[in-house]
Structures are given as C-alpha cells and as structure tokens.
PDB file of N, CA and C in Angstrom:
ATOM      1  N   MET A   1       0.838  -1.186   0.000  1.00  0.00           N
ATOM      2  CA  MET A   1       0.000   0.000   0.000  1.00  0.00           C
ATOM      3  C   MET A   1       0.882   1.249   0.000  1.00  0.00           C
ATOM      4  N   ALA A   2       0.458   2.258  -0.737  1.00  0.00           N
ATOM      5  CA  ALA A   2       1.234   3.489  -0.883  1.00  0.00           C
ATOM      6  C   ALA A   2       1.251   4.282   0.420  1.00  0.00           C
ATOM      7  N   THR A   3       2.359   4.981   0.658  1.00  0.00           N
ATOM      8  CA  THR A   3       2.528   5.810   1.847  1.00  0.00           C
ATOM      9  C   THR A   3       2.892   7.222   1.414  1.00  0.00           C
ATOM     10  N   LYS A   4       2.152   8.198   1.942  1.00  0.00           N
ATOM     11  CA  LYS A   4       2.364   9.604   1.572  1.00  0.00           C
ATOM     12  C   LYS A   4       3.379  10.240   2.516  1.00  0.00           C
ATOM     13  N   LEU A   5       4.339  10.944   1.929  1.00  0.00           N
ATOM     14  CA  LEU A   5       5.371  11.648   2.681  1.00  0.00           C
ATOM     15  C   LEU A   5       5.202  13.153   2.519  1.00  0.00           C
ATOM     16  N   PHE A   6       5.417  13.887   3.601  1.00  0.00           N
ATOM     17  CA  PHE A   6       5.488  15.343   3.566  1.00  0.00           C
ATOM     18  C   PHE A   6       6.927  15.712   3.243  1.00  0.00           C
ATOM     19  N   VAL A   7       7.112  16.641   2.313  1.00  0.00           N
ATOM     20  CA  VAL A   7       8.452  17.120   1.962  1.00  0.00           C
ATOM     21  C   VAL A   7       8.434  18.641   2.110  1.00  0.00           C
ATOM     22  N   GLY A   8       9.174  19.145   3.076  1.00  0.00           N
ATOM     23  CA  GLY A   8       9.184  20.573   3.359  1.00  0.00           C
ATOM     24  C   GLY A   8      10.528  21.216   3.090  1.00  0.00           C
ATOM     25  N   ASN A   9      10.549  22.546   3.167  1.00  0.00           N
ATOM     26  CA  ASN A   9      11.720  23.381   2.945  1.00  0.00           C
ATOM     27  C   ASN A   9      12.220  23.281   1.503  1.00  0.00           C
ATOM     28  N   LEU A  10      11.270  23.189   0.568  1.00  0.00           N
ATOM     29  CA  LEU A  10      11.628  23.131  -0.844  1.00  0.00           C
ATOM     30  C   LEU A  10      11.969  24.521  -1.370  1.00  0.00           C
ATOM     31  N   SER A  11      12.883  24.560  -2.310  1.00  0.00           N
ATOM     32  CA  SER A  11      13.148  25.785  -3.049  1.00  0.00           C
ATOM     33  C   SER A  11      11.897  26.096  -3.871  1.00  0.00           C
ATOM     34  N   PHE A  12      11.629  27.371  -4.089  1.00  0.00           N
ATOM     35  CA  PHE A  12      10.471  27.750  -4.904  1.00  0.00           C
ATOM     36  C   PHE A  12      10.639  27.310  -6.354  1.00  0.00           C
ATOM     37  N   ASN A  13      11.851  26.931  -6.735  1.00  0.00           N
ATOM     38  CA  ASN A  13      12.131  26.502  -8.102  1.00  0.00           C
ATOM     39  C   ASN A  13      12.024  24.994  -8.292  1.00  0.00           C
ATOM     40  N   THR A  14      11.799  24.240  -7.233  1.00  0.00           N
ATOM     41  CA  THR A  14      11.705  22.787  -7.323  1.00  0.00           C
ATOM     42  C   THR A  14      10.462  22.387  -8.107  1.00  0.00           C
ATOM     43  N   THR A  15      10.625  21.443  -9.020  1.00  0.00           N
ATOM     44  CA  THR A  15       9.510  20.968  -9.838  1.00  0.00           C
ATOM     45  C   THR A  15       9.097  19.564  -9.388  1.00  0.00           C
ATOM     46  N   PRO A  16       7.886  19.142  -9.754  1.00  0.00           N
ATOM     47  CA  PRO A  16       7.495  17.759  -9.460  1.00  0.00           C
ATOM     48  C   PRO A  16       8.474  16.742 -10.061  1.00  0.00           C
ATOM     49  N   GLY A  17       9.015  17.057 -11.228  1.00  0.00           N
ATOM     50  CA  GLY A  17      10.002  16.167 -11.850  1.00  0.00           C
ATOM     51  C   GLY A  17      11.263  16.028 -11.013  1.00  0.00           C
ATOM     52  N   ASP A  18      11.688  17.122 -10.383  1.00  0.00           N
ATOM     53  CA  ASP A  18      12.865  17.071  -9.505  1.00  0.00           C
ATOM     54  C   ASP A  18      12.634  16.088  -8.360  1.00  0.00           C
ATOM     55  N   LEU A  19      11.446  16.195  -7.732  1.00  0.00           N
ATOM     56  CA  LEU A  19      11.141  15.320  -6.598  1.00  0.00           C
ATOM     57  C   LEU A  19      10.960  13.872  -7.045  1.00  0.00           C
ATOM     58  N   GLU A  20      10.314  13.682  -8.189  1.00  0.00           N
ATOM     59  CA  GLU A  20      10.115  12.314  -8.676  1.00  0.00           C
ATOM     60  C   GLU A  20      11.451  11.647  -8.973  1.00  0.00           C
ATOM     61  N   SER A  21      12.360  12.389  -9.567  1.00  0.00           N
ATOM     62  CA  SER A  21      13.690  11.863  -9.867  1.00  0.00           C
ATOM     63  C   SER A  21      14.454  11.523  -8.587  1.00  0.00           C
ATOM     64  N   LEU A  22      14.414  12.436  -7.607  1.00  0.00           N
ATOM     65  CA  LEU A  22      15.130  12.218  -6.353  1.00  0.00           C
ATOM     66  C   LEU A  22      14.561  11.032  -5.577  1.00  0.00           C
ATOM     67  N   PHE A  23      13.247  11.052  -5.337  1.00  0.00           N
ATOM     68  CA  PHE A  23      12.634  10.007  -4.522  1.00  0.00           C
ATOM     69  C   PHE A  23      12.578   8.659  -5.249  1.00  0.00           C
ATOM     70  N   GLY A  24      12.668   8.685  -6.573  1.00  0.00           N
ATOM     71  CA  GLY A  24      12.741   7.449  -7.341  1.00  0.00           C
ATOM     72  C   GLY A  24      13.982   6.630  -7.011  1.00  0.00           C
ATOM     73  N   GLN A  25      15.000   7.288  -6.460  1.00  0.00           N
ATOM     74  CA  GLN A  25      16.213   6.582  -6.042  1.00  0.00           C
ATOM     75  C   GLN A  25      15.949   5.683  -4.834  1.00  0.00           C
ATOM     76  N   ALA A  26      14.851   5.943  -4.106  1.00  0.00           N
ATOM     77  CA  ALA A  26      14.527   5.152  -2.910  1.00  0.00           C
ATOM     78  C   ALA A  26      13.466   4.096  -3.194  1.00  0.00           C
ATOM     79  N   GLY A  27      12.857   4.127  -4.388  1.00  0.00           N
ATOM     80  CA  GLY A  27      11.823   3.153  -4.724  1.00  0.00           C
ATOM     81  C   GLY A  27      10.790   3.751  -5.660  1.00  0.00           C
ATOM     82  N   GLY A  28       9.669   3.053  -5.763  1.00  0.00           N
ATOM     83  CA  GLY A  28       8.607   3.473  -6.669  1.00  0.00           C
ATOM     84  C   GLY A  28       7.858   4.696  -6.167  1.00  0.00           C
ATOM     85  N   VAL A  29       7.721   5.693  -7.031  1.00  0.00           N
ATOM     86  CA  VAL A  29       6.986   6.913  -6.697  1.00  0.00           C
ATOM     87  C   VAL A  29       5.610   6.825  -7.354  1.00  0.00           C
ATOM     88  N   ALA A  30       4.555   6.847  -6.523  1.00  0.00           N
ATOM     89  CA  ALA A  30       3.183   6.758  -7.048  1.00  0.00           C
ATOM     90  C   ALA A  30       2.676   8.119  -7.505  1.00  0.00           C
ATOM     91  N   SER A  31       3.025   9.191  -6.770  1.00  0.00           N
ATOM     92  CA  SER A  31       2.584  10.535  -7.156  1.00  0.00           C
ATOM     93  C   SER A  31       3.442  11.592  -6.471  1.00  0.00           C
ATOM     94  N   VAL A  32       3.451  12.783  -7.070  1.00  0.00           N
ATOM     95  CA  VAL A  32       4.155  13.941  -6.522  1.00  0.00           C
ATOM     96  C   VAL A  32       3.224  15.134  -6.634  1.00  0.00           C
ATOM     97  N   ASN A  33       3.118  15.916  -5.565  1.00  0.00           N
ATOM     98  CA  ASN A  33       2.264  17.098  -5.578  1.00  0.00           C
ATOM     99  C   ASN A  33       2.968  18.216  -4.805  1.00  0.00           C
ATOM    100  N   ILE A  34       3.341  19.285  -5.507  1.00  0.00           N
ATOM    101  CA  ILE A  34       3.924  20.456  -4.853  1.00  0.00           C
ATOM    102  C   ILE A  34       2.792  21.456  -4.653  1.00  0.00           C
ATOM    103  N   ILE A  35       2.628  21.934  -3.438  1.00  0.00           N
ATOM    104  CA  ILE A  35       1.538  22.842  -3.103  1.00  0.00           C
ATOM    105  C   ILE A  35       1.904  24.257  -3.534  1.00  0.00           C
ATOM    106  N   SER A  36       0.965  24.914  -4.224  1.00  0.00           N
ATOM    107  CA  SER A  36       1.212  26.275  -4.684  1.00  0.00           C
ATOM    108  C   SER A  36       0.124  27.218  -4.181  1.00  0.00           C
ATOM    109  N   ASP A  37       0.470  28.486  -4.114  1.00  0.00           N
ATOM    110  CA  ASP A  37      -0.465  29.529  -3.697  1.00  0.00           C
ATOM    111  C   ASP A  37      -1.575  29.636  -4.730  1.00  0.00           C
ATOM    112  N   LYS A  38      -2.829  29.666  -4.273  1.00  0.00           N
ATOM    113  CA  LYS A  38      -3.935  29.659  -5.233  1.00  0.00           C
ATOM    114  C   LYS A  38      -4.085  30.973  -5.984  1.00  0.00           C
ATOM    115  N   PHE A  39      -3.509  32.048  -5.481  1.00  0.00           N
ATOM    116  CA  PHE A  39      -3.621  33.331  -6.168  1.00  0.00           C
ATOM    117  C   PHE A  39      -2.432  33.602  -7.090  1.00  0.00           C
ATOM    118  N   SER A  40      -1.219  33.403  -6.589  1.00  0.00           N
ATOM    119  CA  SER A  40      -0.027  33.716  -7.384  1.00  0.00           C
ATOM    120  C   SER A  40       0.470  32.522  -8.196  1.00  0.00           C
ATOM    121  N   GLY A  41       0.122  31.311  -7.767  1.00  0.00           N
ATOM    122  CA  GLY A  41       0.608  30.118  -8.446  1.00  0.00           C
ATOM    123  C   GLY A  41       2.014  29.720  -8.041  1.00  0.00           C
ATOM    124  N   GLN A  42       2.658  30.523  -7.171  1.00  0.00           N
ATOM    125  CA  GLN A  42       4.027  30.229  -6.729  1.00  0.00           C
ATOM    126  C   GLN A  42       4.008  29.104  -5.696  1.00  0.00           C
ATOM    127  N   SER A  43       5.048  28.296  -5.725  1.00  0.00           N
ATOM    128  CA  SER A  43       5.196  27.221  -4.758  1.00  0.00           C
ATOM    129  C   SER A  43       5.151  27.767  -3.333  1.00  0.00           C
ATOM    130  N   ARG A  44       4.547  26.999  -2.426  1.00  0.00           N
ATOM    131  CA  ARG A  44       4.526  27.390  -1.016  1.00  0.00           C
ATOM    132  C   ARG A  44       5.690  26.764  -0.251  1.00  0.00           C
ATOM    133  N   GLY A  45       6.562  26.050  -0.943  1.00  0.00           N
ATOM    134  CA  GLY A  45       7.769  25.513  -0.323  1.00  0.00           C
ATOM    135  C   GLY A  45       7.604  24.144   0.314  1.00  0.00           C
ATOM    136  N   PHE A  46       6.499  23.467   0.023  1.00  0.00           N
ATOM    137  CA  PHE A  46       6.330  22.109   0.517  1.00  0.00           C
ATOM    138  C   PHE A  46       5.466  21.315  -0.447  1.00  0.00           C
ATOM    139  N   GLY A  47       5.493  20.008  -0.263  1.00  0.00           N
ATOM    140  CA  GLY A  47       4.699  19.145  -1.128  1.00  0.00           C
ATOM    141  C   GLY A  47       4.585  17.760  -0.534  1.00  0.00           C
ATOM    142  N   PHE A  48       4.058  16.850  -1.341  1.00  0.00           N
ATOM    143  CA  PHE A  48       3.845  15.479  -0.906  1.00  0.00           C
ATOM    144  C   PHE A  48       4.330  14.525  -1.986  1.00  0.00           C
ATOM    145  N   VAL A  49       4.980  13.460  -1.538  1.00  0.00           N
ATOM    146  CA  VAL A  49       5.419  12.396  -2.435  1.00  0.00           C
ATOM    147  C   VAL A  49       4.807  11.111  -1.904  1.00  0.00           C
ATOM    148  N   GLU A  50       4.140  10.389  -2.774  1.00  0.00           N
ATOM    149  CA  GLU A  50       3.533   9.119  -2.373  1.00  0.00           C
ATOM    150  C   GLU A  50       4.418   7.993  -2.887  1.00  0.00           C
ATOM    151  N   MET A  51       4.951   7.221  -1.950  1.00  0.00           N
ATOM    152  CA  MET A  51       5.820   6.100  -2.292  1.00  0.00           C
ATOM    153  C   MET A  51       4.977   4.828  -2.412  1.00  0.00           C
ATOM    154  N   ALA A  52       5.426   3.897  -3.239  1.00  0.00           N
ATOM    155  CA  ALA A  52       4.658   2.692  -3.544  1.00  0.00           C
ATOM    156  C   ALA A  52       4.446   1.776  -2.336  1.00  0.00           C
ATOM    157  N   SER A  53       5.379   1.771  -1.387  1.00  0.00           N
ATOM    158  CA  SER A  53       5.232   0.890  -0.224  1.00  0.00           C
ATOM    159  C   SER A  53       5.746   1.577   1.043  1.00  0.00           C
ATOM    160  N   GLN A  54       5.369   1.024   2.182  1.00  0.00           N
ATOM    161  CA  GLN A  54       5.819   1.546   3.473  1.00  0.00           C
ATOM    162  C   GLN A  54       7.341   1.432   3.596  1.00  0.00           C
ATOM    163  N   ALA A  55       7.891   0.325   3.134  1.00  0.00           N
ATOM    164  CA  ALA A  55       9.340   0.114   3.223  1.00  0.00           C
ATOM    165  C   ALA A  55      10.094   1.151   2.384  1.00  0.00           C
ATOM    166  N   GLU A  56       9.592   1.436   1.186  1.00  0.00           N
ATOM    167  CA  GLU A  56      10.244   2.435   0.333  1.00  0.00           C
ATOM    168  C   GLU A  56      10.101   3.836   0.924  1.00  0.00           C
ATOM    169  N   ALA A  57       8.975   4.101   1.551  1.00  0.00           N
ATOM    170  CA  ALA A  57       8.771   5.387   2.214  1.00  0.00           C
ATOM    171  C   ALA A  57       9.773   5.557   3.354  1.00  0.00           C
ATOM    172  N   GLN A  58       9.969   4.517   4.140  1.00  0.00           N
ATOM    173  CA  GLN A  58      10.917   4.575   5.253  1.00  0.00           C
ATOM    174  C   GLN A  58      12.344   4.794   4.739  1.00  0.00           C
ATOM    175  N   THR A  59      12.682   4.129   3.647  1.00  0.00           N
ATOM    176  CA  THR A  59      13.997   4.326   3.033  1.00  0.00           C
ATOM    177  C   THR A  59      14.168   5.778   2.590  1.00  0.00           C
ATOM    178  N   ALA A  60      13.121   6.347   1.980  1.00  0.00           N
ATOM    179  CA  ALA A  60      13.177   7.741   1.514  1.00  0.00           C
ATOM    180  C   ALA A  60      13.342   8.712   2.682  1.00  0.00           C
ATOM    181  N   ILE A  61      12.644   8.454   3.788  1.00  0.00           N
ATOM    182  CA  ILE A  61      12.772   9.320   4.965  1.00  0.00           C
ATOM    183  C   ILE A  61      14.207   9.294   5.478  1.00  0.00           C
ATOM    184  N   GLU A  62      14.752   8.084   5.634  1.00  0.00           N
ATOM    185  CA  GLU A  62      16.113   7.938   6.155  1.00  0.00           C
ATOM    186  C   GLU A  62      17.141   8.565   5.218  1.00  0.00           C
ATOM    187  N   ARG A  63      16.893   8.452   3.940  1.00  0.00           N
ATOM    188  CA  ARG A  63      17.865   8.919   2.958  1.00  0.00           C
ATOM    189  C   ARG A  63      17.788  10.424   2.688  1.00  0.00           C
ATOM    190  N   PHE A  64      16.576  10.986   2.693  1.00  0.00           N
ATOM    191  CA  PHE A  64      16.416  12.355   2.225  1.00  0.00           C
ATOM    192  C   PHE A  64      16.055  13.389   3.293  1.00  0.00           C
ATOM    193  N   HIS A  65      15.778  12.978   4.531  1.00  0.00           N
ATOM    194  CA  HIS A  65      15.549  13.967   5.587  1.00  0.00           C
ATOM    195  C   HIS A  65      16.897  14.641   5.869  1.00  0.00           C
ATOM    196  N   GLY A  66      16.966  15.954   5.667  1.00  0.00           N
ATOM    197  CA  GLY A  66      18.221  16.695   5.816  1.00  0.00           C
ATOM    198  C   GLY A  66      19.044  16.772   4.545  1.00  0.00           C
ATOM    199  N   TYR A  67      18.616  16.071   3.498  1.00  0.00           N
ATOM    200  CA  TYR A  67      19.313  16.081   2.208  1.00  0.00           C
ATOM    201  C   TYR A  67      19.226  17.474   1.594  1.00  0.00           C
ATOM    202  N   GLU A  68      20.330  17.955   1.039  1.00  0.00           N
ATOM    203  CA  GLU A  68      20.330  19.287   0.440  1.00  0.00           C
ATOM    204  C   GLU A  68      19.936  19.202  -1.030  1.00  0.00           C
ATOM    205  N   LEU A  69      18.823  19.867  -1.360  1.00  0.00           N
ATOM    206  CA  LEU A  69      18.334  19.943  -2.730  1.00  0.00           C
ATOM    207  C   LEU A  69      18.189  21.406  -3.102  1.00  0.00           C
ATOM    208  N   GLN A  70      18.893  21.828  -4.134  1.00  0.00           N
ATOM    209  CA  GLN A  70      18.863  23.216  -4.614  1.00  0.00           C
ATOM    210  C   GLN A  70      19.151  24.204  -3.481  1.00  0.00           C
ATOM    211  N   GLY A  71      20.128  23.852  -2.645  1.00  0.00           N
ATOM    212  CA  GLY A  71      20.574  24.747  -1.577  1.00  0.00           C
ATOM    213  C   GLY A  71      19.714  24.749  -0.329  1.00  0.00           C
ATOM    214  N   ARG A  72      18.752  23.837  -0.225  1.00  0.00           N
ATOM    215  CA  ARG A  72      17.857  23.782   0.944  1.00  0.00           C
ATOM    216  C   ARG A  72      17.897  22.378   1.540  1.00  0.00           C
ATOM    217  N   ALA A  73      17.989  22.290   2.876  1.00  0.00           N
ATOM    218  CA  ALA A  73      17.957  20.995   3.573  1.00  0.00           C
ATOM    219  C   ALA A  73      16.498  20.553   3.697  1.00  0.00           C
ATOM    220  N   LEU A  74      16.161  19.441   3.069  1.00  0.00           N
ATOM    221  CA  LEU A  74      14.775  18.966   3.045  1.00  0.00           C
ATOM    222  C   LEU A  74      14.315  18.441   4.397  1.00  0.00           C
ATOM    223  N   THR A  75      13.037  18.625   4.662  1.00  0.00           N
ATOM    224  CA  THR A  75      12.360  17.977   5.786  1.00  0.00           C
ATOM    225  C   THR A  75      11.493  16.898   5.166  1.00  0.00           C
ATOM    226  N   VAL A  76      11.698  15.652   5.574  1.00  0.00           N
ATOM    227  CA  VAL A  76      10.918  14.550   5.016  1.00  0.00           C
ATOM    228  C   VAL A  76      10.404  13.694   6.165  1.00  0.00           C
ATOM    229  N   ASN A  77       9.092  13.536   6.242  1.00  0.00           N
ATOM    230  CA  ASN A  77       8.498  12.630   7.222  1.00  0.00           C
ATOM    231  C   ASN A  77       7.153  12.135   6.708  1.00  0.00           C
ATOM    232  N   GLU A  78       6.604  11.165   7.411  1.00  0.00           N
ATOM    233  CA  GLU A  78       5.317  10.613   6.984  1.00  0.00           C
ATOM    234  C   GLU A  78       4.232  11.669   7.170  1.00  0.00           C
ATOM    235  N   ALA A  79       3.420  11.849   6.142  1.00  0.00           N
ATOM    236  CA  ALA A  79       2.364  12.857   6.182  1.00  0.00           C
ATOM    237  C   ALA A  79       1.289  12.455   7.180  1.00  0.00           C
ATOM    238  N   LYS A  80       0.801  13.437   7.914  1.00  0.00           N
ATOM    239  CA  LYS A  80      -0.293  13.212   8.858  1.00  0.00           C
ATOM    240  C   LYS A  80      -1.607  13.442   8.126  1.00  0.00           C
ATOM    241  N   PRO A  81      -2.680  12.762   8.532  1.00  0.00           N
ATOM    242  CA  PRO A  81      -3.974  13.002   7.881  1.00  0.00           C
ATOM    243  C   PRO A  81      -4.386  14.464   8.049  1.00  0.00           C
ATOM    244  N   GLN A  82      -5.001  15.017   7.002  1.00  0.00           N
ATOM    245  CA  GLN A  82      -5.430  16.415   7.043  1.00  0.00           C
ATOM    246  C   GLN A  82      -6.596  16.571   7.999  1.00  0.00           C
ATOM    247  N   ALA A  83      -6.494  17.575   8.876  1.00  0.00           N
ATOM    248  CA  ALA A  83      -7.567  17.856   9.828  1.00  0.00           C
ATOM    249  C   ALA A  83      -8.757  18.450   9.080  1.00  0.00           C
ATOM    250  N   PRO A  84      -9.972  18.136   9.512  1.00  0.00           N
ATOM    251  CA  PRO A  84     -11.138  18.728   8.862  1.00  0.00           C
ATOM    252  C   PRO A  84     -11.116  20.249   9.003  1.00  0.00           C
ATOM    253  N   ARG A  85     -11.588  20.926   7.980  1.00  0.00           N
ATOM    254  CA  ARG A  85     -11.579  22.383   7.986  1.00  0.00           C
ATOM    255  C   ARG A  85     -12.978  22.926   8.195  1.00  0.00           C
ATOM    256  N   GLY A  86     -13.067  23.958   9.037  1.00  0.00           N
ATOM    257  CA  GLY A  86     -14.299  24.733   9.206  1.00  0.00           C
ATOM    258  C   GLY A  86     -15.539  23.915   9.465  1.00  0.00           C
ATOM    259  N   GLY A  87     -16.687  24.574   9.425  1.00  0.00           N
ATOM    260  CA  GLY A  87     -17.968  23.912   9.504  1.00  0.00           C
ATOM    261  C   GLY A  87     -18.412  23.467  10.874  1.00  0.00           C
ATOM    262  N   GLY A  88     -17.630  23.700  11.916  1.00  0.00           N
ATOM    263  CA  GLY A  88     -17.974  23.175  13.226  1.00  0.00           C
ATOM    264  C   GLY A  88     -18.884  24.058  14.058  1.00  0.00           C
ATOM    265  N   GLY A  89     -18.892  25.344  13.812  1.00  0.00           N
ATOM    266  CA  GLY A  89     -19.634  26.265  14.676  1.00  0.00           C
ATOM    267  C   GLY A  89     -21.022  26.578  14.152  1.00  0.00           C
ATOM    268  N   ARG A  90     -21.748  27.326  14.958  1.00  0.00           N
ATOM    269  CA  ARG A  90     -23.088  27.745  14.572  1.00  0.00           C
ATOM    270  C   ARG A  90     -22.984  28.887  13.567  1.00  0.00           C
ATOM    271  N   SER A  91     -23.800  28.833  12.568  1.00  0.00           N
ATOM    272  CA  SER A  91     -23.758  29.889  11.563  1.00  0.00           C
ATOM    273  C   SER A  91     -24.729  31.000  11.916  1.00  0.00           C
ATOM    274  N   PHE A  92     -24.437  32.158  11.391  1.00  0.00           N
ATOM    275  CA  PHE A  92     -25.340  33.290  11.557  1.00  0.00           C
ATOM    276  C   PHE A  92     -26.401  33.209  10.463  1.00  0.00           C
ATOM    277  N   GLY A  93     -27.505  33.847  10.703  1.00  0.00           N
ATOM    278  CA  GLY A  93     -28.544  33.846   9.689  1.00  0.00           C
ATOM    279  C   GLY A  93     -29.209  32.496   9.559  1.00  0.00           C
ATOM    280  N   ASP A  94     -29.633  31.940  10.681  1.00  0.00           N
ATOM    281  CA  ASP A  94     -30.214  30.602  10.665  1.00  0.00           C
ATOM    282  C   ASP A  94     -31.697  30.602  10.285  1.00  0.00           C
ATOM    283  N   GLY A  95     -32.183  31.721   9.794  1.00  0.00           N
ATOM    284  CA  GLY A  95     -33.560  31.766   9.344  1.00  0.00           C
ATOM    285  C   GLY A  95     -34.520  32.391  10.342  1.00  0.00           C
ATOM    286  N   ASN A  96     -34.111  32.534  11.574  1.00  0.00           N
ATOM    287  CA  ASN A  96     -34.981  33.152  12.576  1.00  0.00           C
ATOM    288  C   ASN A  96     -34.799  34.658  12.556  1.00  0.00           C
ATOM    289  N   ASP A  97     -35.915  35.393  12.588  1.00  0.00           N
ATOM    290  CA  ASP A  97     -35.835  36.856  12.593  1.00  0.00           C
ATOM    291  C   ASP A  97     -35.873  37.325  14.036  1.00  0.00           C
ATOM    292  N   ARG A  98     -34.713  37.500  14.622  1.00  0.00           N
ATOM    293  CA  ARG A  98     -34.626  37.924  16.027  1.00  0.00           C
ATOM    294  C   ARG A  98     -33.862  39.235  16.121  1.00  0.00           C
ATOM    295  N   GLY A  99     -33.965  40.027  15.106  1.00  0.00           N
ATOM    296  CA  GLY A  99     -33.196  41.253  15.046  1.00  0.00           C
ATOM    297  C   GLY A  99     -33.826  42.430  15.759  1.00  0.00           C
ATOM    298  N   GLY A 100     -34.952  42.247  16.409  1.00  0.00           N
ATOM    299  CA  GLY A 100     -35.542  43.322  17.169  1.00  0.00           C
ATOM    300  C   GLY A 100     -36.458  44.236  16.374  1.00  0.00           C
ATOM    301  N   ARG A 101     -36.654  43.967  15.124  1.00  0.00           N
ATOM    302  CA  ARG A 101     -37.535  44.810  14.343  1.00  0.00           C
ATOM    303  C   ARG A 101     -38.920  44.155  14.245  1.00  0.00           C
ATOM    304  N   ALA A 102     -39.906  44.945  14.059  1.00  0.00           N
ATOM    305  CA  ALA A 102     -41.282  44.433  14.001  1.00  0.00           C
ATOM    306  C   ALA A 102     -41.544  43.796  12.648  1.00  0.00           C
ATOM    307  N   ARG A 103     -42.213  42.674  12.663  1.00  0.00           N
ATOM    308  CA  ARG A 103     -42.628  42.019  11.418  1.00  0.00           C
ATOM    309  C   ARG A 103     -43.922  42.618  10.923  1.00  0.00           C
ATOM    310  N   ARG A 104     -44.077  42.739   9.679  1.00  0.00           N
ATOM    311  CA  ARG A 104     -45.340  43.283   9.117  1.00  0.00           C
ATOM    312  C   ARG A 104     -45.851  42.421   8.029  1.00  0.00           C
TER     313      ARG A 104
END
C-alpha cells in the first residue's frame, strides 16, 4: 500500500520532476504534488510524495531527511492526515428573525 510523505523546505524553483527523480532513487513513486499559492501560483515551499510501499517510504525518509536539494535541507516525514476544515460552529442567519424589528 502506498505511503504519503510530507516534503518541506523546498526551493520555490523545485519541480514535481525534480522530486520524482530524487525520490525514485529510494523506490517506486506513485505521485508527486507540490503545493502552490492559489492566487499567485508560486510554490509554497512544501509538497507530498507518495511512495509505492511503506518500506520504500521509510527508506526515503532515512535517505532524504536533511538532504540538500537546490541549496535547501529537506524535511521529510510521513504525512499526517489532514484535519477537517471549518464547519464546526453555529452559523449566523439561521432563518430566525430575532433582530428586534417588528414584522409586518
């Protein structure tokens, strides 16, 4: 089963091909995703690499955590599940007219 790795401290010039080539040295790469700013399109300096197996992921962590790529020491560890975003609180405007004005 594939294992997703977090890769941080990337140069803004790093491409998915760069990461695929590097992590391919540790085993099969299932996917590469570099996170970019939704407005500017510029890299946010981190991404995710999905390795084909847990063993290959562990090899990649041991081999590339602290590895210097394009002048930056990489941070590589197993990705944590994404926490749910928003939606937990009570919303305003729930349909009740309690604003203090008279209904007519």
